[in-house]
Amino acid sequence: MGKNNGEGNSWVVRIMALLVACALWLYVMNEQNPFTTRTFLVTLTKENLASDMVVHDFPENVKIKVSGQRSQVATISESSLKAFVDFSGAVKGLGTYSVQGKTPKGEIIEISPSILQLNLDTVGERTLEIEPRIVGVPNSGVTVGKMNLYPLKATVQGASSRIAEVGKVVVLIDISNKDKNFEDEAAVVAVSKDGREMYDIKVEPSKVHVSVEVLKQLATKSFPITVDLSGKLPAGLKVDKIIINPDTVKLTAEPKLINNLTEIKTAPVVLDKLTGDVELKMPLNIPDKVLAEAHNVIVEIKLKKAE
């Protein structure tokens, strides 16, 4: 009997020692490696979404709070966490969806937001001509002339209801500080009918090749025409009247050139051999680097006897 009591007491002692050891280990671990929590900003992804469906206003990120021992939680990175919505069996329209998460270590104790009200729509597509839109200011004294785009059309893709709101696609051409012809790759964006950029609409191609002709800024002004008379009329005659049709010409050139002009003369009309009234088609003496709306005029010269 005594022997059995001794063995029983021995087991009790052993069990008590084990419990004390476990308690001591938990105490030490809690002191040296306590439980803690960290909050991470994690990219939210879509899983099992049908290829012909799209989600309106899908959040980019959610917050995930992870709890665990400090040594574990400290090694967790945002990229190692996963946040997703499972769209298996989802149908078009407004629905309620839960956000799920996964962590390689510790335990997820909170996801914010954890429930989302999302609107699913079918995918729509349209092809539109690309319109150039100039942004920025070129160097002084120049302006934009001809612009070429390649390709000329782009396809927009997104939710059917949003595609219906697309008014046009535009290419943004930055001419800031430009003073020479240039080529560039420019971004193409979808714009709604009320003029707002639609960031949720995919545009293909997203960029196009542009070539821009930069011109020196020009001015246009009308100038009077005068007849350049050369030589002398035969004895006994003098000029009675000169009629020019038209009597003005519109010129286009750089402002500096235009500002230096006061009139435009015809080519010289030689008077030496005139014996009566004449009507002549005379070229205009247009300066270099000046564009004229006409290059010839009709000059009618009427003579009379000299007193």
C-alpha atoms as a PDB file:
ATOM      1  CA  MET A   1       0.000   0.000   0.000  1.00  0.00           C
ATOM      2  CA  GLY A   2       2.761   2.404   0.861  1.00  0.00           C
ATOM      3  CA  LYS A   3       4.477   1.716  -2.378  1.00  0.00           C
ATOM      4  CA  ASN A   4       1.371   2.566  -4.423  1.00  0.00           C
ATOM      5  CA  ASN A   5       0.915   5.819  -2.542  1.00  0.00           C
ATOM      6  CA  GLY A   6       4.505   6.701  -3.308  1.00  0.00           C
ATOM      7  CA  GLU A   7       4.056   6.121  -7.006  1.00  0.00           C
ATOM      8  CA  GLY A   8       0.830   8.130  -7.030  1.00  0.00           C
ATOM      9  CA  ASN A   9       2.479  11.016  -5.283  1.00  0.00           C
ATOM     10  CA  SER A  10       5.313  10.835  -7.792  1.00  0.00           C
ATOM     11  CA  TRP A  11       2.925  11.264 -10.719  1.00  0.00           C
ATOM     12  CA  VAL A  12       1.210  14.158  -9.033  1.00  0.00           C
ATOM     13  CA  VAL A  13       4.545  15.836  -8.564  1.00  0.00           C
ATOM     14  CA  ARG A  14       5.463  15.258 -12.170  1.00  0.00           C
ATOM     15  CA  ILE A  15       2.167  16.683 -13.452  1.00  0.00           C
ATOM     16  CA  MET A  16       2.467  19.712 -11.189  1.00  0.00           C
ATOM     17  CA  ALA A  17       6.013  20.278 -12.393  1.00  0.00           C
ATOM     18  CA  LEU A  18       4.856  20.113 -16.010  1.00  0.00           C
ATOM     19  CA  LEU A  19       2.061  22.583 -15.366  1.00  0.00           C
ATOM     20  CA  VAL A  20       4.467  24.938 -13.619  1.00  0.00           C
ATOM     21  CA  ALA A  21       6.934  24.594 -16.501  1.00  0.00           C
ATOM     22  CA  CYS A  22       4.189  25.366 -19.042  1.00  0.00           C
ATOM     23  CA  ALA A  23       3.018  28.350 -17.046  1.00  0.00           C
ATOM     24  CA  LEU A  24       6.574  29.570 -16.706  1.00  0.00           C
ATOM     25  CA  TRP A  25       7.155  29.123 -20.455  1.00  0.00           C
ATOM     26  CA  LEU A  26       3.977  31.039 -21.276  1.00  0.00           C
ATOM     27  CA  TYR A  27       4.993  33.773 -18.877  1.00  0.00           C
ATOM     28  CA  VAL A  28       8.463  34.064 -20.336  1.00  0.00           C
ATOM     29  CA  MET A  29       7.150  33.970 -23.884  1.00  0.00           C
ATOM     30  CA  ASN A  30       4.556  36.606 -23.108  1.00  0.00           C
ATOM     31  CA  GLU A  31       7.172  38.800 -21.524  1.00  0.00           C
ATOM     32  CA  GLN A  32       9.827  38.294 -24.181  1.00  0.00           C
ATOM     33  CA  ASN A  33       7.584  37.794 -27.250  1.00  0.00           C
ATOM     34  CA  PRO A  34       4.171  39.267 -26.394  1.00  0.00           C
ATOM     35  CA  PHE A  35       1.101  39.224 -28.618  1.00  0.00           C
ATOM     36  CA  THR A  36       0.645  42.374 -30.678  1.00  0.00           C
ATOM     37  CA  THR A  37      -1.403  43.712 -33.607  1.00  0.00           C
ATOM     38  CA  ARG A  38      -0.492  45.575 -36.777  1.00  0.00           C
ATOM     39  CA  THR A  39      -2.666  47.215 -39.434  1.00  0.00           C
ATOM     40  CA  PHE A  40      -1.742  46.954 -43.109  1.00  0.00           C
ATOM     41  CA  LEU A  41      -3.034  48.738 -46.236  1.00  0.00           C
ATOM     42  CA  VAL A  42      -3.555  45.935 -48.757  1.00  0.00           C
ATOM     43  CA  THR A  43      -4.468  46.050 -52.453  1.00  0.00           C
ATOM     44  CA  LEU A  44      -7.960  44.658 -53.031  1.00  0.00           C
ATOM     45  CA  THR A  45      -8.271  42.231 -55.952  1.00  0.00           C
ATOM     46  CA  LYS A  46     -11.113  40.540 -57.830  1.00  0.00           C
ATOM     47  CA  GLU A  47     -11.380  36.770 -58.053  1.00  0.00           C
ATOM     48  CA  ASN A  48     -13.572  34.674 -60.357  1.00  0.00           C
ATOM     49  CA  LEU A  49     -15.066  37.713 -62.121  1.00  0.00           C
ATOM     50  CA  ALA A  50     -16.576  36.741 -65.478  1.00  0.00           C
ATOM     51  CA  SER A  51     -14.644  38.104 -68.464  1.00  0.00           C
ATOM     52  CA  ASP A  52     -17.706  39.956 -69.787  1.00  0.00           C
ATOM     53  CA  MET A  53     -18.394  41.713 -66.460  1.00  0.00           C
ATOM     54  CA  VAL A  54     -16.951  44.835 -64.866  1.00  0.00           C
ATOM     55  CA  VAL A  55     -17.303  46.331 -61.368  1.00  0.00           C
ATOM     56  CA  HIS A  56     -18.216  49.970 -60.737  1.00  0.00           C
ATOM     57  CA  ASP A  57     -16.223  51.948 -58.149  1.00  0.00           C
ATOM     58  CA  PHE A  58     -14.160  49.012 -56.904  1.00  0.00           C
ATOM     59  CA  PRO A  59     -11.928  50.145 -53.969  1.00  0.00           C
ATOM     60  CA  GLU A  60      -8.191  50.043 -54.534  1.00  0.00           C
ATOM     61  CA  ASN A  61      -7.266  49.087 -50.950  1.00  0.00           C
ATOM     62  CA  VAL A  62      -8.631  47.806 -47.657  1.00  0.00           C
ATOM     63  CA  LYS A  63      -7.137  47.758 -44.146  1.00  0.00           C
ATOM     64  CA  ILE A  64      -6.283  44.414 -42.559  1.00  0.00           C
ATOM     65  CA  LYS A  65      -5.479  44.089 -38.860  1.00  0.00           C
ATOM     66  CA  VAL A  66      -3.337  41.079 -37.932  1.00  0.00           C
ATOM     67  CA  SER A  67      -2.733  39.741 -34.415  1.00  0.00           C
ATOM     68  CA  GLY A  68       0.024  37.385 -33.302  1.00  0.00           C
ATOM     69  CA  GLN A  69       3.268  37.107 -31.426  1.00  0.00           C
ATOM     70  CA  ARG A  70       5.549  40.033 -32.015  1.00  0.00           C
ATOM     71  CA  SER A  71       8.221  37.910 -33.695  1.00  0.00           C
ATOM     72  CA  GLN A  72       5.645  36.698 -36.235  1.00  0.00           C
ATOM     73  CA  VAL A  73       3.795  39.955 -36.884  1.00  0.00           C
ATOM     74  CA  ALA A  74       7.051  41.878 -37.309  1.00  0.00           C
ATOM     75  CA  THR A  75       7.985  39.789 -40.345  1.00  0.00           C
ATOM     76  CA  ILE A  76       4.671  40.293 -42.188  1.00  0.00           C
ATOM     77  CA  SER A  77       4.755  42.638 -45.195  1.00  0.00           C
ATOM     78  CA  GLU A  78       1.840  44.211 -47.054  1.00  0.00           C
ATOM     79  CA  SER A  79       2.785  42.276 -50.191  1.00  0.00           C
ATOM     80  CA  SER A  80       2.518  38.969 -48.305  1.00  0.00           C
ATOM     81  CA  LEU A  81      -1.096  39.680 -47.303  1.00  0.00           C
ATOM     82  CA  LYS A  82      -4.010  39.124 -49.624  1.00  0.00           C
ATOM     83  CA  ALA A  83      -7.405  40.849 -49.781  1.00  0.00           C
ATOM     84  CA  PHE A  84     -10.004  39.854 -52.346  1.00  0.00           C
ATOM     85  CA  VAL A  85     -13.657  39.680 -53.297  1.00  0.00           C
ATOM     86  CA  ASP A  86     -14.920  36.405 -54.749  1.00  0.00           C
ATOM     87  CA  PHE A  87     -17.350  37.068 -57.605  1.00  0.00           C
ATOM     88  CA  SER A  88     -18.213  33.432 -58.285  1.00  0.00           C
ATOM     89  CA  GLY A  89     -21.784  33.325 -59.606  1.00  0.00           C
ATOM     90  CA  ALA A  90     -22.171  37.128 -59.442  1.00  0.00           C
ATOM     91  CA  VAL A  91     -24.823  38.665 -61.724  1.00  0.00           C
ATOM     92  CA  LYS A  92     -25.360  42.117 -63.221  1.00  0.00           C
ATOM     93  CA  GLY A  93     -26.692  44.741 -60.821  1.00  0.00           C
ATOM     94  CA  LEU A  94     -26.202  45.941 -57.241  1.00  0.00           C
ATOM     95  CA  GLY A  95     -25.131  43.336 -54.690  1.00  0.00           C
ATOM     96  CA  THR A  96     -23.485  42.876 -51.310  1.00  0.00           C
ATOM     97  CA  TYR A  97     -20.060  41.223 -51.218  1.00  0.00           C
ATOM     98  CA  SER A  98     -17.735  40.298 -48.365  1.00  0.00           C
ATOM     99  CA  VAL A  99     -14.019  41.088 -48.385  1.00  0.00           C
ATOM    100  CA  GLN A 100     -11.842  38.114 -47.566  1.00  0.00           C
ATOM    101  CA  GLY A 101      -8.218  38.083 -46.475  1.00  0.00           C
ATOM    102  CA  LYS A 102      -5.270  35.768 -46.026  1.00  0.00           C
ATOM    103  CA  THR A 103      -2.108  36.157 -43.968  1.00  0.00           C
ATOM    104  CA  PRO A 104       1.008  33.936 -43.928  1.00  0.00           C
ATOM    105  CA  LYS A 105       1.417  34.371 -40.148  1.00  0.00           C
ATOM    106  CA  GLY A 106      -0.694  35.395 -37.211  1.00  0.00           C
ATOM    107  CA  GLU A 107      -4.464  35.817 -37.413  1.00  0.00           C
ATOM    108  CA  ILE A 108      -6.638  38.355 -39.209  1.00  0.00           C
ATOM    109  CA  ILE A 109      -8.881  39.938 -36.599  1.00  0.00           C
ATOM    110  CA  GLU A 110     -10.371  42.765 -38.673  1.00  0.00           C
ATOM    111  CA  ILE A 111     -10.842  43.833 -42.325  1.00  0.00           C
ATOM    112  CA  SER A 112     -12.048  47.364 -43.017  1.00  0.00           C
ATOM    113  CA  PRO A 113     -14.305  47.636 -44.903  1.00  0.00           C
ATOM    114  CA  SER A 114     -15.407  44.036 -44.650  1.00  0.00           C
ATOM    115  CA  ILE A 115     -18.687  44.405 -46.607  1.00  0.00           C
ATOM    116  CA  LEU A 116     -19.054  46.238 -49.947  1.00  0.00           C
ATOM    117  CA  GLN A 117     -22.082  47.323 -51.944  1.00  0.00           C
ATOM    118  CA  LEU A 118     -20.937  46.866 -55.548  1.00  0.00           C
ATOM    119  CA  ASN A 119     -22.641  47.349 -58.908  1.00  0.00           C
ATOM    120  CA  LEU A 120     -21.730  44.866 -61.649  1.00  0.00           C
ATOM    121  CA  ASP A 121     -22.263  45.669 -65.310  1.00  0.00           C
ATOM    122  CA  THR A 122     -21.577  44.039 -68.646  1.00  0.00           C
ATOM    123  CA  VAL A 123     -18.537  45.187 -70.649  1.00  0.00           C
ATOM    124  CA  GLY A 124     -19.179  47.633 -73.494  1.00  0.00           C
ATOM    125  CA  GLU A 125     -16.938  48.829 -76.318  1.00  0.00           C
ATOM    126  CA  ARG A 126     -16.880  51.649 -78.907  1.00  0.00           C
ATOM    127  CA  THR A 127     -14.397  52.937 -81.473  1.00  0.00           C
ATOM    128  CA  LEU A 128     -14.017  56.717 -81.842  1.00  0.00           C
ATOM    129  CA  GLU A 129     -11.838  59.130 -83.790  1.00  0.00           C
ATOM    130  CA  ILE A 130      -9.117  60.733 -81.695  1.00  0.00           C
ATOM    131  CA  GLU A 131      -9.285  64.508 -81.315  1.00  0.00           C
ATOM    132  CA  PRO A 132      -6.100  66.500 -80.576  1.00  0.00           C
ATOM    133  CA  ARG A 133      -6.142  68.776 -77.532  1.00  0.00           C
ATOM    134  CA  ILE A 134      -3.281  71.226 -76.969  1.00  0.00           C
ATOM    135  CA  VAL A 135      -2.006  71.800 -73.431  1.00  0.00           C
ATOM    136  CA  GLY A 136       0.752  74.149 -72.316  1.00  0.00           C
ATOM    137  CA  VAL A 137       2.088  77.344 -73.879  1.00  0.00           C
ATOM    138  CA  PRO A 138       4.741  77.449 -76.643  1.00  0.00           C
ATOM    139  CA  ASN A 139       7.581  79.944 -76.749  1.00  0.00           C
ATOM    140  CA  SER A 140       6.534  83.479 -77.626  1.00  0.00           C
ATOM    141  CA  GLY A 141       6.225  84.335 -81.291  1.00  0.00           C
ATOM    142  CA  VAL A 142       5.187  80.856 -82.452  1.00  0.00           C
ATOM    143  CA  THR A 143       1.929  79.004 -82.928  1.00  0.00           C
ATOM    144  CA  VAL A 144       0.880  75.437 -83.735  1.00  0.00           C
ATOM    145  CA  GLY A 145       0.256  74.635 -87.380  1.00  0.00           C
ATOM    146  CA  LYS A 146      -0.415  71.154 -88.690  1.00  0.00           C
ATOM    147  CA  MET A 147      -0.803  68.133 -86.346  1.00  0.00           C
ATOM    148  CA  ASN A 148      -0.691  64.479 -87.424  1.00  0.00           C
ATOM    149  CA  LEU A 149      -1.794  61.519 -85.275  1.00  0.00           C
ATOM    150  CA  TYR A 150      -1.152  57.816 -85.684  1.00  0.00           C
ATOM    151  CA  PRO A 151      -3.380  55.919 -85.311  1.00  0.00           C
ATOM    152  CA  LEU A 152      -6.427  58.098 -85.897  1.00  0.00           C
ATOM    153  CA  LYS A 153      -8.921  56.020 -83.901  1.00  0.00           C
ATOM    154  CA  ALA A 154      -9.084  54.433 -80.438  1.00  0.00           C
ATOM    155  CA  THR A 155     -11.302  51.835 -78.783  1.00  0.00           C
ATOM    156  CA  VAL A 156     -12.871  52.531 -75.388  1.00  0.00           C
ATOM    157  CA  GLN A 157     -13.882  49.676 -73.106  1.00  0.00           C
ATOM    158  CA  GLY A 158     -15.654  49.592 -69.766  1.00  0.00           C
ATOM    159  CA  ALA A 159     -19.041  49.242 -68.120  1.00  0.00           C
ATOM    160  CA  SER A 160     -21.816  49.476 -70.722  1.00  0.00           C
ATOM    161  CA  SER A 161     -23.575  52.296 -68.865  1.00  0.00           C
ATOM    162  CA  ARG A 162     -20.316  54.280 -68.697  1.00  0.00           C
ATOM    163  CA  ILE A 163     -19.411  53.643 -72.341  1.00  0.00           C
ATOM    164  CA  ALA A 164     -22.701  55.265 -73.312  1.00  0.00           C
ATOM    165  CA  GLU A 165     -21.548  58.442 -71.517  1.00  0.00           C
ATOM    166  CA  VAL A 166     -18.271  58.766 -73.481  1.00  0.00           C
ATOM    167  CA  GLY A 167     -18.416  61.878 -75.656  1.00  0.00           C
ATOM    168  CA  LYS A 168     -14.999  61.641 -77.318  1.00  0.00           C
ATOM    169  CA  VAL A 169     -11.432  60.498 -76.930  1.00  0.00           C
ATOM    170  CA  VAL A 170      -8.713  63.130 -76.954  1.00  0.00           C
ATOM    171  CA  VAL A 171      -4.933  63.092 -77.193  1.00  0.00           C
ATOM    172  CA  LEU A 172      -3.162  65.566 -74.928  1.00  0.00           C
ATOM    173  CA  ILE A 173      -0.368  67.311 -76.855  1.00  0.00           C
ATOM    174  CA  ASP A 174       1.998  69.279 -74.617  1.00  0.00           C
ATOM    175  CA  ILE A 175       3.524  72.238 -76.478  1.00  0.00           C
ATOM    176  CA  SER A 176       5.157  73.843 -73.434  1.00  0.00           C
ATOM    177  CA  ASN A 177       8.288  75.813 -74.442  1.00  0.00           C
ATOM    178  CA  LYS A 178       8.267  74.356 -77.967  1.00  0.00           C
ATOM    179  CA  ASP A 179       9.626  76.513 -80.812  1.00  0.00           C
ATOM    180  CA  LYS A 180      10.432  73.861 -83.445  1.00  0.00           C
ATOM    181  CA  ASN A 181       8.639  70.973 -85.127  1.00  0.00           C
ATOM    182  CA  PHE A 182       8.550  67.932 -82.836  1.00  0.00           C
ATOM    183  CA  GLU A 183       7.326  64.351 -82.482  1.00  0.00           C
ATOM    184  CA  ASP A 184       6.147  62.640 -79.309  1.00  0.00           C
ATOM    185  CA  GLU A 185       4.100  59.834 -77.758  1.00  0.00           C
ATOM    186  CA  ALA A 186       1.003  61.391 -76.204  1.00  0.00           C
ATOM    187  CA  ALA A 187      -1.607  59.958 -73.815  1.00  0.00           C
ATOM    188  CA  VAL A 188      -5.153  59.279 -75.027  1.00  0.00           C
ATOM    189  CA  VAL A 189      -8.037  59.743 -72.562  1.00  0.00           C
ATOM    190  CA  ALA A 190     -11.790  59.243 -72.683  1.00  0.00           C
ATOM    191  CA  VAL A 191     -13.897  62.344 -71.992  1.00  0.00           C
ATOM    192  CA  SER A 192     -17.569  62.346 -71.000  1.00  0.00           C
ATOM    193  CA  LYS A 193     -20.239  64.360 -72.788  1.00  0.00           C
ATOM    194  CA  ASP A 194     -20.009  67.016 -70.059  1.00  0.00           C
ATOM    195  CA  GLY A 195     -16.227  67.345 -70.539  1.00  0.00           C
ATOM    196  CA  ARG A 196     -14.876  65.255 -67.634  1.00  0.00           C
ATOM    197  CA  GLU A 197     -12.068  62.730 -67.974  1.00  0.00           C
ATOM    198  CA  MET A 198     -13.277  59.163 -67.396  1.00  0.00           C
ATOM    199  CA  TYR A 199     -10.500  57.371 -65.520  1.00  0.00           C
ATOM    200  CA  ASP A 200     -12.493  54.127 -65.231  1.00  0.00           C
ATOM    201  CA  ILE A 201     -12.619  53.715 -69.031  1.00  0.00           C
ATOM    202  CA  LYS A 202      -9.851  51.735 -70.698  1.00  0.00           C
ATOM    203  CA  VAL A 203      -8.554  53.285 -73.928  1.00  0.00           C
ATOM    204  CA  GLU A 204      -6.654  51.274 -76.504  1.00  0.00           C
ATOM    205  CA  PRO A 205      -4.138  52.389 -77.585  1.00  0.00           C
ATOM    206  CA  SER A 206      -3.371  54.385 -74.448  1.00  0.00           C
ATOM    207  CA  LYS A 207      -0.791  56.447 -76.364  1.00  0.00           C
ATOM    208  CA  VAL A 208      -0.452  57.563 -79.989  1.00  0.00           C
ATOM    209  CA  HIS A 209       2.363  58.999 -82.068  1.00  0.00           C
ATOM    210  CA  VAL A 210       1.996  62.721 -82.762  1.00  0.00           C
ATOM    211  CA  SER A 211       3.949  65.026 -85.050  1.00  0.00           C
ATOM    212  CA  VAL A 212       3.443  68.766 -84.675  1.00  0.00           C
ATOM    213  CA  GLU A 213       4.402  71.593 -87.010  1.00  0.00           C
ATOM    214  CA  VAL A 214       5.359  74.746 -85.117  1.00  0.00           C
ATOM    215  CA  LEU A 215       5.009  77.992 -87.059  1.00  0.00           C
ATOM    216  CA  LYS A 216       6.195  81.469 -86.383  1.00  0.00           C
ATOM    217  CA  GLN A 217       3.201  83.503 -85.339  1.00  0.00           C
ATOM    218  CA  LEU A 218       1.722  85.435 -88.279  1.00  0.00           C
ATOM    219  CA  ALA A 219      -0.228  88.659 -88.633  1.00  0.00           C
ATOM    220  CA  THR A 220      -2.664  89.660 -91.389  1.00  0.00           C
ATOM    221  CA  LYS A 221      -3.349  93.187 -92.594  1.00  0.00           C
ATOM    222  CA  SER A 222      -4.656  94.976 -95.713  1.00  0.00           C
ATOM    223  CA  PHE A 223      -2.426  97.486 -97.538  1.00  0.00           C
ATOM    224  CA  PRO A 224      -3.163 100.074-100.253  1.00  0.00           C
ATOM    225  CA  ILE A 225      -1.796  99.415-103.755  1.00  0.00           C
ATOM    226  CA  THR A 226       0.032 102.127-105.687  1.00  0.00           C
ATOM    227  CA  VAL A 227       1.185 102.097-109.315  1.00  0.00           C
ATOM    228  CA  ASP A 228       4.917 102.444-109.925  1.00  0.00           C
ATOM    229  CA  LEU A 229       5.160 104.816-112.924  1.00  0.00           C
ATOM    230  CA  SER A 230       8.416 104.737-114.905  1.00  0.00           C
ATOM    231  CA  GLY A 231       9.651 107.001-117.723  1.00  0.00           C
ATOM    232  CA  LYS A 232       7.877 109.993-119.358  1.00  0.00           C
ATOM    233  CA  LEU A 233       4.778 110.304-121.498  1.00  0.00           C
ATOM    234  CA  PRO A 234       5.194 111.552-125.047  1.00  0.00           C
ATOM    235  CA  ALA A 235       5.051 115.320-125.442  1.00  0.00           C
ATOM    236  CA  GLY A 236       1.568 116.800-125.247  1.00  0.00           C
ATOM    237  CA  LEU A 237       0.108 114.089-122.944  1.00  0.00           C
ATOM    238  CA  LYS A 238      -0.353 113.778-119.214  1.00  0.00           C
ATOM    239  CA  VAL A 239      -1.995 111.307-116.826  1.00  0.00           C
ATOM    240  CA  ASP A 240      -5.611 112.191-116.123  1.00  0.00           C
ATOM    241  CA  LYS A 241      -6.670 109.275-113.892  1.00  0.00           C
ATOM    242  CA  ILE A 242      -5.361 105.925-112.604  1.00  0.00           C
ATOM    243  CA  ILE A 243      -7.840 103.242-111.506  1.00  0.00           C
ATOM    244  CA  ILE A 244      -6.582 100.138-109.633  1.00  0.00           C
ATOM    245  CA  ASN A 245      -8.828  97.086-109.196  1.00  0.00           C
ATOM    246  CA  PRO A 246      -8.645  95.930-106.446  1.00  0.00           C
ATOM    247  CA  ASP A 247      -6.974  98.868-104.771  1.00  0.00           C
ATOM    248  CA  THR A 248      -5.915  96.959-101.615  1.00  0.00           C
ATOM    249  CA  VAL A 249      -4.291  93.603-100.936  1.00  0.00           C
ATOM    250  CA  LYS A 250      -4.370  91.443 -97.795  1.00  0.00           C
ATOM    251  CA  LEU A 251      -0.923  90.250 -96.655  1.00  0.00           C
ATOM    252  CA  THR A 252       0.099  87.655 -94.033  1.00  0.00           C
ATOM    253  CA  ALA A 253       3.572  87.484 -92.491  1.00  0.00           C
ATOM    254  CA  GLU A 254       5.488  87.641 -89.260  1.00  0.00           C
ATOM    255  CA  PRO A 255       4.395  90.680 -87.220  1.00  0.00           C
ATOM    256  CA  LYS A 256       7.802  92.331 -87.639  1.00  0.00           C
ATOM    257  CA  LEU A 257       7.561  92.207 -91.444  1.00  0.00           C
ATOM    258  CA  ILE A 258       3.961  93.403 -91.502  1.00  0.00           C
ATOM    259  CA  ASN A 259       4.748  96.353 -89.235  1.00  0.00           C
ATOM    260  CA  ASN A 260       7.473  97.580 -91.624  1.00  0.00           C
ATOM    261  CA  LEU A 261       5.093  97.845 -94.609  1.00  0.00           C
ATOM    262  CA  THR A 262       2.946 100.850 -95.538  1.00  0.00           C
ATOM    263  CA  GLU A 263       1.908 100.084 -99.136  1.00  0.00           C
ATOM    264  CA  ILE A 264       2.420  97.604-101.983  1.00  0.00           C
ATOM    265  CA  LYS A 265       3.531  98.765-105.428  1.00  0.00           C
ATOM    266  CA  THR A 266       2.891  97.217-108.786  1.00  0.00           C
ATOM    267  CA  ALA A 267       5.651  96.329-111.177  1.00  0.00           C
ATOM    268  CA  PRO A 268       6.812  99.470-113.077  1.00  0.00           C
ATOM    269  CA  VAL A 269       4.466 100.792-115.776  1.00  0.00           C
ATOM    270  CA  VAL A 270       6.602 102.293-118.581  1.00  0.00           C
ATOM    271  CA  LEU A 271       5.010 105.526-119.842  1.00  0.00           C
ATOM    272  CA  ASP A 272       7.361 106.266-122.749  1.00  0.00           C
ATOM    273  CA  LYS A 273       5.333 104.536-125.463  1.00  0.00           C
ATOM    274  CA  LEU A 274       1.808 105.259-124.267  1.00  0.00           C
ATOM    275  CA  THR A 275      -0.286 107.242-126.757  1.00  0.00           C
ATOM    276  CA  GLY A 276      -3.762 106.685-125.270  1.00  0.00           C
ATOM    277  CA  ASP A 277      -5.781 105.102-122.504  1.00  0.00           C
ATOM    278  CA  VAL A 278      -4.655 101.571-121.483  1.00  0.00           C
ATOM    279  CA  GLU A 279      -5.776  98.729-119.232  1.00  0.00           C
ATOM    280  CA  LEU A 280      -2.954  96.544-117.953  1.00  0.00           C
ATOM    281  CA  LYS A 281      -2.714  93.423-115.786  1.00  0.00           C
ATOM    282  CA  MET A 282       0.180  94.217-113.504  1.00  0.00           C
ATOM    283  CA  PRO A 283       1.965  91.942-110.989  1.00  0.00           C
ATOM    284  CA  LEU A 284       2.364  93.167-107.431  1.00  0.00           C
ATOM    285  CA  ASN A 285       5.781  93.631-105.884  1.00  0.00           C
ATOM    286  CA  ILE A 286       5.302  91.273-102.868  1.00  0.00           C
ATOM    287  CA  PRO A 287       8.230  91.203-100.383  1.00  0.00           C
ATOM    288  CA  ASP A 288       9.937  87.915 -99.533  1.00  0.00           C
ATOM    289  CA  LYS A 289       8.415  85.758 -96.790  1.00  0.00           C
ATOM    290  CA  VAL A 290       5.049  87.492 -97.176  1.00  0.00           C
ATOM    291  CA  LEU A 291       1.866  85.699 -98.232  1.00  0.00           C
ATOM    292  CA  ALA A 292      -0.585  87.666-100.409  1.00  0.00           C
ATOM    293  CA  GLU A 293      -4.217  86.903-101.221  1.00  0.00           C
ATOM    294  CA  ALA A 294      -3.640  88.265-104.764  1.00  0.00           C
ATOM    295  CA  HIS A 295      -0.539  88.701-106.922  1.00  0.00           C
ATOM    296  CA  ASN A 296      -1.936  90.764-109.835  1.00  0.00           C
ATOM    297  CA  VAL A 297      -4.224  93.748-110.255  1.00  0.00           C
ATOM    298  CA  ILE A 298      -5.855  95.541-113.176  1.00  0.00           C
ATOM    299  CA  VAL A 299      -4.461  99.037-113.733  1.00  0.00           C
ATOM    300  CA  GLU A 300      -6.429 101.433-115.946  1.00  0.00           C
ATOM    301  CA  ILE A 301      -4.564 104.591-117.009  1.00  0.00           C
ATOM    302  CA  LYS A 302      -6.474 107.450-118.657  1.00  0.00           C
ATOM    303  CA  LEU A 303      -4.549 110.175-120.490  1.00  0.00           C
ATOM    304  CA  LYS A 304      -5.417 113.657-121.597  1.00  0.00           C
ATOM    305  CA  LYS A 305      -3.754 116.428-123.594  1.00  0.00           C
ATOM    306  CA  ALA A 306      -1.360 118.599-121.726  1.00  0.00           C
ATOM    307  CA  GLU A 307      -2.180 122.304-121.625  1.00  0.00           C
END
